[in-house]
């Protein structure tokens, strides 16, 4: 999708925050493309967006309209959310006053920041000029045309008046007819006499009639001419060189039936082994004729259904960011190979490999009996050597102690580190569910202030809680060291 993207950075804190007048300006013609992107941070690091976190946006338009809508998550770990204005909302031109809020499932809420932006009214949405002006122009043109026709009529009438003034000089019909009959008789007699003359009275030459190159000699009779035309014995002794056939040998050519028989003899033209080899060659393409992919999954279409529908063989595919059963919300490209098919001709046993535009590689395998095994991301060496640590969202009065409480994912493991001061038996923090063990986990952690340990419970949805304690002096416990490595599944 193509958007007019407006990035806004907000830090979540308790300092005085005045409404920000941004330099963002959309148009009333930005239909489906006006996108507000919010990058949320807290304490200098991205604010994770978990399933228990809901960001909402309130907007008040110049005409008094108000909306209160949910935003969408673009990158949960980096705290990036966004909202695309609807076609109805973007029509409310003018200054828009807005405020972003974050709500949690446990009842907590907070205001992030107030801000404003502009929606400009496009030229195509301006008022249309009155139609009455065109009617006035048309009437003036008609008036001029009518005036011109009237002037022409007056000129015709004047000419007719002059002609009628000479009517007295016109002789009667009977007198004119007698004169015409006499003239016709005299002219006919002269014409007949002239037409009967054969001595070229006008002295016309052959050049005048286009025959200057014709000799005044006797021509052959038609019967002689026809006899010459029918002579097939080459009376003029024409040679093959004269007709452009000097290199043609005078030999017998094959009959058409012989030629057709030879043309139909495919064995004569190629060997049987060659034909067998060609016919047995692989015919299925792994890419389109223009070098493109053999399968495309657009937004809303199933990637896995697209590749299996091509049946047995190898191919290439492209998946849009909004495709169903894609390994990532980013657009990606890959290859697949199936070695068998079911009754519907769909691939059953085979693999799929895909790479998104951020160079993340994913694999999936389909077992005809068990179905798809699920997408798995290949962990690069950079993540194992230098993983990215993110702060745990602390709750219910919990605080970081000697070391900040952080988490990261390395391969198929969740790693937590840091020192926390909190009460036991309450949820003291949360991590995204995508980082948590799929079935939850319970691990031992050491206490600070004395010798002993407690149990850390990690729930599948990402909540963290401490329970139980075994120490030399429970009253001397000052916190808990959360240095653990837990398998995710």
Protein backbone atom coordinates (compact mmCIF):
# COMPACT_ATOMS: atom_id res chain seq x y z
CA UNK A 1 0.00 0.00 0.00
CA UNK A 2 1.12 3.61 -0.67
CA UNK A 3 0.70 6.15 2.16
CA UNK A 4 1.46 9.75 2.99
CA UNK A 5 3.24 8.76 6.20
CA UNK A 6 3.61 11.29 9.06
CA UNK A 7 6.04 10.13 11.78
CA UNK A 8 5.54 11.50 15.33
CA UNK A 9 7.88 10.71 18.27
CA UNK A 10 6.29 10.77 21.76
CA UNK A 11 8.07 10.05 25.07
CA UNK A 12 5.77 8.77 27.84
CA UNK A 13 6.57 10.74 31.03
CA UNK A 14 5.00 12.99 33.67
CA UNK A 15 6.62 16.23 32.56
CA UNK A 16 4.58 19.23 31.43
CA UNK A 17 3.46 18.57 27.86
CA UNK A 18 1.90 21.34 25.83
CA UNK A 19 0.00 20.50 22.68
CA UNK A 20 2.36 20.16 19.73
CA UNK A 21 1.44 22.00 16.54
CA UNK A 22 2.98 19.64 14.00
CA UNK A 23 3.94 20.50 10.43
CA UNK A 24 1.79 17.64 9.15
CA UNK A 25 -0.63 18.55 6.36
CA UNK A 26 -2.92 16.14 4.54
CA UNK A 27 -5.34 16.90 1.70
CA UNK A 28 -9.05 16.13 1.36
CA UNK A 29 -7.97 14.04 -1.65
CA UNK A 30 -5.61 11.84 0.46
CA UNK A 31 -8.24 9.08 0.48
CA UNK A 32 -6.97 5.95 2.21
CA UNK A 33 -3.36 7.31 2.24
CA UNK A 34 -3.29 9.78 5.19
CA UNK A 35 -1.28 7.80 7.79
CA UNK A 36 -0.24 8.94 11.30
CA UNK A 37 2.67 6.85 12.70
CA UNK A 38 3.59 7.15 16.42
CA UNK A 39 6.95 6.05 17.85
CA UNK A 40 6.47 5.65 21.63
CA UNK A 41 9.41 5.64 24.07
CA UNK A 42 9.71 5.52 27.84
CA UNK A 43 12.89 6.25 29.79
CA UNK A 44 14.80 6.55 26.54
CA UNK A 45 13.91 3.13 25.10
CA UNK A 46 11.01 1.95 22.92
CA UNK A 47 7.75 1.31 24.81
CA UNK A 48 6.73 -2.32 24.05
CA UNK A 49 3.15 -2.80 22.89
CA UNK A 50 1.75 -6.06 24.31
CA UNK A 51 -1.65 -7.68 23.77
CA UNK A 52 -2.74 -6.06 27.04
CA UNK A 53 -1.92 -2.60 25.70
CA UNK A 54 -4.41 -0.59 23.64
CA UNK A 55 -3.51 2.76 22.08
CA UNK A 56 -6.47 5.02 21.23
CA UNK A 57 -6.62 8.29 19.28
CA UNK A 58 -9.10 11.14 19.87
CA UNK A 59 -9.60 13.74 17.11
CA UNK A 60 -11.75 16.91 17.06
CA UNK A 61 -12.27 18.54 13.64
CA UNK A 62 -12.94 22.21 12.86
CA UNK A 63 -16.63 21.60 12.15
CA UNK A 64 -17.09 20.11 15.63
CA UNK A 65 -16.99 16.43 14.59
CA UNK A 66 -15.26 14.10 17.05
CA UNK A 67 -13.88 10.54 16.74
CA UNK A 68 -12.29 8.18 19.23
CA UNK A 69 -10.63 5.26 17.46
CA UNK A 70 -8.28 2.33 18.00
CA UNK A 71 -4.80 2.45 16.47
CA UNK A 72 -2.98 -0.49 14.88
CA UNK A 73 0.37 -2.01 15.86
CA UNK A 74 3.16 -1.81 13.30
CA UNK A 75 6.12 -2.95 15.45
CA UNK A 76 5.27 -4.13 18.98
CA UNK A 77 8.89 -4.35 20.17
CA UNK A 78 9.84 -0.89 18.93
CA UNK A 79 6.62 0.73 20.19
CA UNK A 80 5.42 1.77 16.73
CA UNK A 81 1.66 2.20 16.16
CA UNK A 82 -0.29 3.90 13.38
CA UNK A 83 -3.71 5.08 12.24
CA UNK A 84 -4.96 5.71 8.66
CA UNK A 85 -7.70 8.36 8.36
CA UNK A 86 -10.91 7.08 6.76
CA UNK A 87 -12.27 8.68 3.56
CA UNK A 88 -15.02 10.34 5.66
CA UNK A 89 -12.58 11.75 8.25
CA UNK A 90 -10.15 13.24 5.73
CA UNK A 91 -13.00 15.33 4.22
CA UNK A 92 -13.16 17.48 7.43
CA UNK A 93 -10.66 20.13 6.33
CA UNK A 94 -9.05 22.58 8.70
CA UNK A 95 -7.02 22.22 11.93
CA UNK A 96 -7.51 18.88 13.72
CA UNK A 97 -6.92 18.77 17.51
CA UNK A 98 -5.87 15.28 18.66
CA UNK A 99 -4.63 13.37 21.69
CA UNK A 100 -3.12 9.88 22.04
CA UNK A 101 -3.93 7.60 25.00
CA UNK A 102 -2.65 4.21 26.15
CA UNK A 103 -5.03 1.86 28.04
CA UNK A 104 -4.12 -1.42 29.76
CA UNK A 105 -6.31 -4.43 30.47
CA UNK A 106 -5.65 -4.06 34.22
CA UNK A 107 -7.52 -0.73 34.21
CA UNK A 108 -4.52 1.59 33.96
CA UNK A 109 -4.72 4.47 31.49
CA UNK A 110 -2.48 7.35 30.56
CA UNK A 111 -2.39 10.31 28.21
CA UNK A 112 0.62 10.30 25.91
CA UNK A 113 0.46 13.72 24.23
CA UNK A 114 -1.75 16.32 22.59
CA UNK A 115 -0.99 17.51 19.08
CA UNK A 116 -2.58 19.08 16.04
CA UNK A 117 -2.29 18.78 12.27
CA UNK A 118 -3.89 20.26 9.14
CA UNK A 119 -6.20 18.90 6.45
CA UNK A 120 -6.10 21.13 3.37
CA UNK A 121 -9.13 21.38 1.08
CA UNK A 122 -8.08 20.23 -2.40
CA UNK A 123 -8.94 22.37 -5.42
CA UNK A 124 -11.23 19.68 -6.76
CA UNK A 125 -13.32 19.99 -3.59
CA UNK A 126 -13.82 23.80 -3.88
CA UNK A 127 -17.25 25.35 -4.70
CA UNK A 128 -18.31 25.14 -8.37
CA UNK A 129 -18.90 28.44 -10.27
CA UNK A 130 -22.61 29.36 -11.03
CA UNK A 131 -23.97 27.88 -14.25
CA UNK A 132 -25.97 31.07 -15.05
CA UNK A 133 -22.91 32.72 -16.65
CA UNK A 134 -22.85 30.09 -19.44
CA UNK A 135 -26.54 30.69 -20.24
CA UNK A 136 -25.88 34.43 -20.69
CA UNK A 137 -22.96 33.74 -23.06
CA UNK A 138 -25.09 31.33 -25.17
CA UNK A 139 -27.92 33.90 -25.50
CA UNK A 140 -25.55 36.61 -26.82
CA UNK A 141 -24.16 34.20 -29.46
CA UNK A 142 -27.68 33.30 -30.60
CA UNK A 143 -28.61 36.96 -30.81
CA UNK A 144 -25.61 37.71 -33.08
CA UNK A 145 -26.45 34.76 -35.37
CA UNK A 146 -30.08 35.89 -35.71
CA UNK A 147 -28.95 39.43 -36.53
CA UNK A 148 -26.61 38.10 -39.26
CA UNK A 149 -29.44 36.03 -40.81
CA UNK A 150 -31.68 39.09 -40.83
CA UNK A 151 -29.03 41.14 -42.69
CA UNK A 152 -28.69 38.37 -45.33
CA UNK A 153 -32.46 38.30 -45.81
CA UNK A 154 -32.53 42.05 -46.41
CA UNK A 155 -29.81 41.75 -49.09
CA UNK A 156 -31.74 38.95 -50.90
CA UNK A 157 -34.94 41.03 -50.88
CA UNK A 158 -33.08 44.00 -52.37
CA UNK A 159 -31.68 41.86 -55.20
CA UNK A 160 -35.14 40.43 -55.99
CA UNK A 161 -36.60 43.92 -56.16
CA UNK A 162 -34.01 44.90 -58.80
CA UNK A 163 -34.83 41.82 -60.89
CA UNK A 164 -38.58 42.45 -60.80
CA UNK A 165 -37.96 45.97 -62.12
CA UNK A 166 -36.87 44.40 -65.47
CA UNK A 167 -39.97 42.19 -65.89
CA UNK A 168 -41.43 44.54 -68.48
CA UNK A 169 -38.53 43.77 -70.83
CA UNK A 170 -39.13 39.96 -70.80
CA UNK A 171 -40.95 38.67 -73.88
CA UNK A 172 -43.88 36.27 -73.75
CA UNK A 173 -43.55 32.49 -73.50
CA UNK A 174 -45.06 31.93 -76.98
CA UNK A 175 -42.67 34.34 -78.74
CA UNK A 176 -39.62 32.88 -77.01
CA UNK A 177 -40.67 29.33 -77.96
CA UNK A 178 -40.94 30.18 -81.66
CA UNK A 179 -37.43 31.67 -81.68
CA UNK A 180 -36.01 28.66 -79.81
CA UNK A 181 -37.58 26.16 -82.25
CA UNK A 182 -36.12 27.99 -85.26
CA UNK A 183 -32.65 28.13 -83.69
CA UNK A 184 -32.77 24.42 -82.87
CA UNK A 185 -33.67 23.47 -86.46
CA UNK A 186 -30.79 25.52 -87.91
CA UNK A 187 -28.24 24.19 -85.39
CA UNK A 188 -29.22 20.55 -86.04
CA UNK A 189 -28.80 20.91 -89.81
CA UNK A 190 -25.32 22.44 -89.38
CA UNK A 191 -24.25 19.80 -86.86
CA UNK A 192 -25.38 16.90 -89.06
CA UNK A 193 -23.49 18.30 -92.02
CA UNK A 194 -20.29 18.79 -90.00
CA UNK A 195 -20.49 15.34 -88.44
CA UNK A 196 -20.67 13.65 -91.87
CA UNK A 197 -17.32 15.12 -92.98
CA UNK A 198 -14.46 12.49 -93.02
CA UNK A 199 -11.62 14.69 -94.32
CA UNK A 200 -10.37 15.84 -90.87
CA UNK A 201 -11.81 19.36 -91.21
CA UNK A 202 -10.10 20.47 -87.95
CA UNK A 203 -6.63 19.23 -89.07
CA UNK A 204 -6.11 17.11 -85.89
CA UNK A 205 -2.60 15.52 -85.70
CA UNK A 206 -1.63 12.14 -84.14
CA UNK A 207 0.40 13.98 -81.52
CA UNK A 208 -2.74 15.84 -80.40
CA UNK A 209 -4.49 12.53 -79.69
CA UNK A 210 -1.46 10.95 -77.92
CA UNK A 211 -0.22 8.73 -80.79
CA UNK A 212 3.00 10.53 -81.79
CA UNK A 213 5.11 7.33 -81.44
CA UNK A 214 2.80 5.15 -83.54
CA UNK A 215 4.00 4.42 -87.10
CA UNK A 216 1.51 4.58 -89.95
CA UNK A 217 2.03 0.92 -90.99
CA UNK A 218 -0.19 -2.09 -91.35
CA UNK A 219 -0.89 -4.01 -88.12
CA UNK A 220 -1.11 -7.81 -87.84
CA UNK A 221 -4.53 -9.30 -88.05
CA UNK A 222 -6.05 -10.50 -84.76
CA UNK A 223 -5.89 -14.12 -85.90
CA UNK A 224 -2.13 -13.73 -86.51
CA UNK A 225 -1.68 -12.10 -83.09
CA UNK A 226 -3.61 -14.86 -81.32
CA UNK A 227 -1.49 -17.48 -83.10
CA UNK A 228 1.71 -15.83 -81.85
CA UNK A 229 0.43 -15.64 -78.29
CA UNK A 230 -0.34 -19.36 -78.32
CA UNK A 231 3.12 -20.35 -79.56
CA UNK A 232 4.90 -22.28 -76.73
CA UNK A 233 8.09 -23.11 -78.68
CA UNK A 234 9.98 -20.04 -77.39
CA UNK A 235 9.89 -18.22 -80.78
CA UNK A 236 11.97 -15.34 -79.35
CA UNK A 237 14.74 -17.70 -78.08
CA UNK A 238 14.56 -16.36 -74.49
CA UNK A 239 17.34 -17.81 -72.24
CA UNK A 240 17.10 -18.74 -68.53
CA UNK A 241 19.59 -16.00 -67.71
CA UNK A 242 17.27 -13.42 -69.24
CA UNK A 243 14.50 -14.42 -66.82
CA UNK A 244 16.80 -14.58 -63.74
CA UNK A 245 17.22 -18.39 -63.56
CA UNK A 246 20.85 -18.76 -64.61
CA UNK A 247 21.75 -20.83 -61.50
CA UNK A 248 18.84 -23.28 -61.82
CA UNK A 249 19.73 -26.74 -63.21
CA UNK A 250 17.38 -28.33 -65.68
CA UNK A 251 16.77 -31.49 -63.63
CA UNK A 252 13.67 -33.33 -62.55
CA UNK A 253 12.04 -32.15 -59.31
CA UNK A 254 10.34 -34.40 -56.74
CA UNK A 255 6.62 -34.87 -57.10
CA UNK A 256 4.44 -33.17 -54.46
CA UNK A 257 3.40 -36.53 -53.02
CA UNK A 258 7.06 -37.47 -52.57
CA UNK A 259 7.77 -34.10 -50.97
CA UNK A 260 4.83 -34.46 -48.55
CA UNK A 261 5.98 -37.96 -47.58
CA UNK A 262 9.46 -36.69 -46.79
CA UNK A 263 8.09 -33.77 -44.78
CA UNK A 264 6.00 -36.12 -42.64
CA UNK A 265 9.00 -38.40 -41.91
CA UNK A 266 9.99 -37.13 -38.42
CA UNK A 267 12.45 -39.98 -37.80
CA UNK A 268 14.48 -38.90 -40.82
CA UNK A 269 14.82 -35.35 -39.50
CA UNK A 270 15.91 -36.26 -35.92
CA UNK A 271 17.02 -39.48 -34.28
CA UNK A 272 14.76 -41.49 -32.03
CA UNK A 273 17.19 -41.05 -29.11
CA UNK A 274 17.15 -37.31 -29.53
CA UNK A 275 13.38 -37.24 -29.56
CA UNK A 276 13.21 -39.44 -26.44
CA UNK A 277 15.69 -37.19 -24.66
CA UNK A 278 13.81 -34.04 -25.55
CA UNK A 279 10.42 -35.47 -24.64
CA UNK A 280 11.80 -36.67 -21.31
CA UNK A 281 13.24 -33.29 -20.38
CA UNK A 282 11.87 -31.26 -17.46
CA UNK A 283 9.10 -29.02 -18.73
CA UNK A 284 7.88 -27.28 -15.56
CA UNK A 285 9.08 -23.71 -15.03
CA UNK A 286 10.50 -22.38 -11.76
CA UNK A 287 9.92 -18.78 -12.85
CA UNK A 288 7.73 -16.88 -15.29
CA UNK A 289 8.90 -16.25 -18.86
CA UNK A 290 9.86 -12.68 -17.93
CA UNK A 291 11.90 -13.84 -14.93
CA UNK A 292 9.14 -13.13 -12.40
CA UNK A 293 7.64 -15.52 -9.85
CA UNK A 294 5.26 -18.38 -10.59
CA UNK A 295 2.87 -17.59 -7.71
CA UNK A 296 1.71 -14.32 -6.09
CA UNK A 297 -0.25 -13.93 -2.84
CA UNK A 298 -1.78 -10.45 -2.55
CA UNK A 299 -3.22 -8.93 0.62
CA UNK A 300 -5.86 -11.28 2.05
CA UNK A 301 -4.74 -14.28 -0.04
CA UNK A 302 -3.28 -17.48 1.47
CA UNK A 303 0.45 -17.93 0.74
CA UNK A 304 0.49 -21.67 1.55
CA UNK A 305 -2.62 -22.30 -0.55
CA UNK A 306 -1.00 -20.50 -3.49
CA UNK A 307 2.16 -22.64 -3.50
CA UNK A 308 0.42 -25.99 -2.91
CA UNK A 309 -2.09 -25.30 -5.69
CA UNK A 310 0.75 -25.49 -8.25
CA UNK A 311 1.21 -29.18 -7.44
CA UNK A 312 4.36 -31.22 -7.85
CA UNK A 313 7.60 -29.44 -8.71
CA UNK A 314 9.66 -26.39 -7.80
CA UNK A 315 8.67 -22.74 -8.11
CA UNK A 316 9.04 -19.20 -6.84
CA UNK A 317 6.56 -16.89 -5.08
CA UNK A 318 5.92 -13.38 -3.76
CA UNK A 319 3.76 -12.58 -0.70
CA UNK A 320 2.45 -9.10 0.11
CA UNK A 321 2.66 -7.83 3.68
CA UNK A 322 -1.05 -8.48 4.22
CA UNK A 323 -1.07 -12.03 2.84
CA UNK A 324 -2.60 -14.80 4.99
CA UNK A 325 -0.31 -17.49 6.52
CA UNK A 326 2.75 -15.41 5.65
CA UNK A 327 5.74 -15.87 8.00
CA UNK A 328 6.01 -12.12 8.60
CA UNK A 329 3.89 -8.97 8.21
CA UNK A 330 6.56 -7.73 5.81
CA UNK A 331 6.46 -8.52 2.10
CA UNK A 332 8.64 -11.53 1.28
CA UNK A 333 9.87 -13.69 -1.59
CA UNK A 334 10.92 -17.33 -1.71
CA UNK A 335 11.03 -20.78 -3.29
CA UNK A 336 9.15 -24.05 -2.77
CA UNK A 337 9.42 -27.69 -3.82
CA UNK A 338 6.81 -30.48 -3.57
CA UNK A 339 7.52 -34.08 -4.54
CA UNK A 340 3.98 -35.50 -4.42
CA UNK A 341 0.35 -34.43 -4.77
CA UNK A 342 -3.07 -35.33 -3.38
CA UNK A 343 -6.27 -36.24 -5.26
CA UNK A 344 -6.86 -32.55 -6.02
CA UNK A 345 -3.41 -32.15 -7.55
CA UNK A 346 -2.08 -30.04 -4.64
CA UNK A 347 1.43 -30.46 -3.25
CA UNK A 348 1.58 -32.60 -0.10
CA UNK A 349 5.19 -33.30 0.87
CA UNK A 350 7.59 -30.40 0.44
CA UNK A 351 9.24 -27.29 1.83
CA UNK A 352 9.02 -23.50 1.56
CA UNK A 353 11.81 -20.97 2.16
CA UNK A 354 11.11 -17.22 2.26
CA UNK A 355 13.12 -14.03 2.87
CA UNK A 356 11.50 -10.70 3.79
CA UNK A 357 12.86 -7.30 2.79
CA UNK A 358 14.71 -7.00 6.11
CA UNK A 359 16.72 -10.15 5.31
CA UNK A 360 14.92 -12.39 7.80
CA UNK A 361 14.78 -16.00 6.56
CA UNK A 362 11.90 -18.36 7.36
CA UNK A 363 11.23 -22.04 6.60
CA UNK A 364 8.15 -24.27 6.66
CA UNK A 365 7.56 -27.93 5.84
CA UNK A 366 4.40 -29.76 4.86
CA UNK A 367 3.89 -33.39 5.77
CA UNK A 368 1.05 -34.94 3.78
CA UNK A 369 -0.15 -36.74 6.91
CA UNK A 370 0.44 -34.05 9.54
CA UNK A 371 0.02 -30.84 7.56
CA UNK A 372 2.25 -27.76 7.83
CA UNK A 373 4.86 -27.77 10.61
CA UNK A 374 4.70 -23.97 11.01
CA UNK A 375 7.01 -21.13 10.02
CA UNK A 376 10.39 -20.96 11.75
CA UNK A 377 12.81 -18.07 11.53
CA UNK A 378 16.49 -18.84 11.03
CA UNK A 379 18.46 -17.10 13.79
CA UNK A 380 21.40 -15.08 12.39
CA UNK A 381 24.76 -15.05 14.15
CA UNK A 382 24.30 -11.34 14.91
CA UNK A 383 21.39 -12.10 17.26
CA UNK A 384 23.39 -14.75 19.09
CA UNK A 385 26.45 -12.54 19.46
CA UNK A 386 24.81 -9.13 20.07
CA UNK A 387 21.11 -9.55 21.03
CA UNK A 388 18.88 -6.50 21.55
CA UNK A 389 17.79 -6.07 25.18
CA UNK A 390 14.44 -4.41 25.97
CA UNK A 391 13.19 -3.10 29.33
CA UNK A 392 10.51 -5.16 31.06
CA UNK A 393 7.29 -3.19 31.65
CA UNK A 394 7.09 -3.10 35.47
CA UNK A 395 3.73 -2.99 37.29
CA UNK A 396 2.12 -2.79 40.74
CA UNK A 397 4.93 -0.77 42.33
CA UNK A 398 7.81 -2.92 41.11
CA UNK A 399 11.11 -1.14 40.45
CA UNK A 400 14.49 -2.00 38.98
CA UNK A 401 17.13 -2.46 41.66
CA UNK A 402 20.90 -2.65 41.15
CA UNK A 403 20.43 -3.55 37.47
CA UNK A 404 17.64 -2.69 35.03
CA UNK A 405 15.25 -5.57 34.39
CA UNK A 406 15.50 -6.46 30.67
CA UNK A 407 14.59 -9.27 28.29
CA UNK A 408 15.60 -10.55 24.85
CA UNK A 409 15.14 -13.57 22.58
CA UNK A 410 18.16 -15.58 21.46
CA UNK A 411 17.29 -18.39 19.10
CA UNK A 412 14.52 -20.39 20.73
CA UNK A 413 15.20 -19.08 24.23
CA UNK A 414 13.94 -16.21 26.38
CA UNK A 415 16.64 -14.47 28.42
CA UNK A 416 15.88 -12.17 31.38
CA UNK A 417 18.42 -10.22 33.40
CA UNK A 418 18.42 -7.55 36.11
CA UNK A 419 17.51 -6.92 39.74
CA UNK A 420 13.92 -6.15 40.82
CA UNK A 421 12.34 -5.00 44.07
CA UNK A 422 8.71 -6.06 44.31
CA UNK A 423 6.13 -7.91 46.36
CA UNK A 424 5.62 -11.59 45.75
CA UNK A 425 2.33 -13.13 44.60
CA UNK A 426 1.50 -10.16 42.31
CA UNK A 427 2.25 -9.56 38.63
CA UNK A 428 5.25 -7.23 38.76
CA UNK A 429 5.94 -6.96 35.03
CA UNK A 430 5.06 -8.04 31.48
CA UNK A 431 6.83 -8.97 28.26
CA UNK A 432 5.26 -9.51 24.79
CA UNK A 433 3.58 -12.90 24.46
CA UNK A 434 5.71 -13.58 21.38
CA UNK A 435 8.74 -13.73 23.70
CA UNK A 436 7.09 -15.88 26.41
CA UNK A 437 7.23 -19.72 26.58
CA UNK A 438 4.23 -21.12 24.72
CA UNK A 439 3.21 -23.21 27.77
CA UNK A 440 4.61 -20.91 30.45
CA UNK A 441 7.56 -21.68 32.73
CA UNK A 442 8.69 -21.68 36.40
CA UNK A 443 12.38 -21.08 37.27
CA UNK A 444 14.34 -20.48 40.50
CA UNK A 445 15.92 -17.07 41.09
CA UNK A 446 18.26 -15.85 43.82
CA UNK A 447 17.29 -13.25 46.42
CA UNK A 448 19.36 -10.23 47.47
CA UNK A 449 20.07 -9.16 51.06
CA UNK A 450 20.52 -12.71 52.33
CA UNK A 451 21.00 -16.25 51.10
CA UNK A 452 17.97 -17.88 49.49
CA UNK A 453 15.80 -18.18 46.39
CA UNK A 454 12.27 -17.72 45.08
CA UNK A 455 10.31 -18.99 42.06
CA UNK A 456 9.73 -16.85 38.96
CA UNK A 457 6.54 -17.69 37.06
CA UNK A 458 6.42 -16.71 33.38
CA UNK A 459 2.89 -16.94 31.96
CA UNK A 460 2.21 -17.69 28.25
CA UNK A 461 0.69 -14.22 27.78
CA UNK A 462 3.92 -12.61 29.10
CA UNK A 463 3.05 -11.70 32.71
CA UNK A 464 5.81 -12.17 35.36
CA UNK A 465 5.24 -13.07 39.04
CA UNK A 466 7.36 -14.19 42.02
CA UNK A 467 5.99 -16.82 44.39
CA UNK A 468 7.34 -18.55 47.48
CA UNK A 469 10.66 -17.97 49.25
CA UNK A 470 13.32 -20.01 50.99
CA UNK A 471 16.02 -17.92 52.72
CA UNK A 472 18.13 -17.61 55.85
CA UNK A 473 16.19 -14.49 56.86
CA UNK A 474 12.99 -13.63 54.99
CA UNK A 475 12.91 -10.19 56.57
CA UNK A 476 16.32 -9.35 55.17
CA UNK A 477 15.33 -9.96 51.52
CA UNK A 478 15.80 -6.72 49.52
CA UNK A 479 15.08 -7.95 45.99
CA UNK A 480 15.44 -10.70 43.41
CA UNK A 481 18.05 -11.44 40.74
CA UNK A 482 16.25 -12.32 37.50
CA UNK A 483 19.15 -13.87 35.56
CA UNK A 484 17.48 -16.76 33.72
CA UNK A 485 17.44 -18.51 30.33
CA UNK A 486 14.13 -20.22 29.47
CA UNK A 487 13.22 -22.32 26.38
CA UNK A 488 10.32 -20.77 24.47
CA UNK A 489 8.86 -24.06 23.22
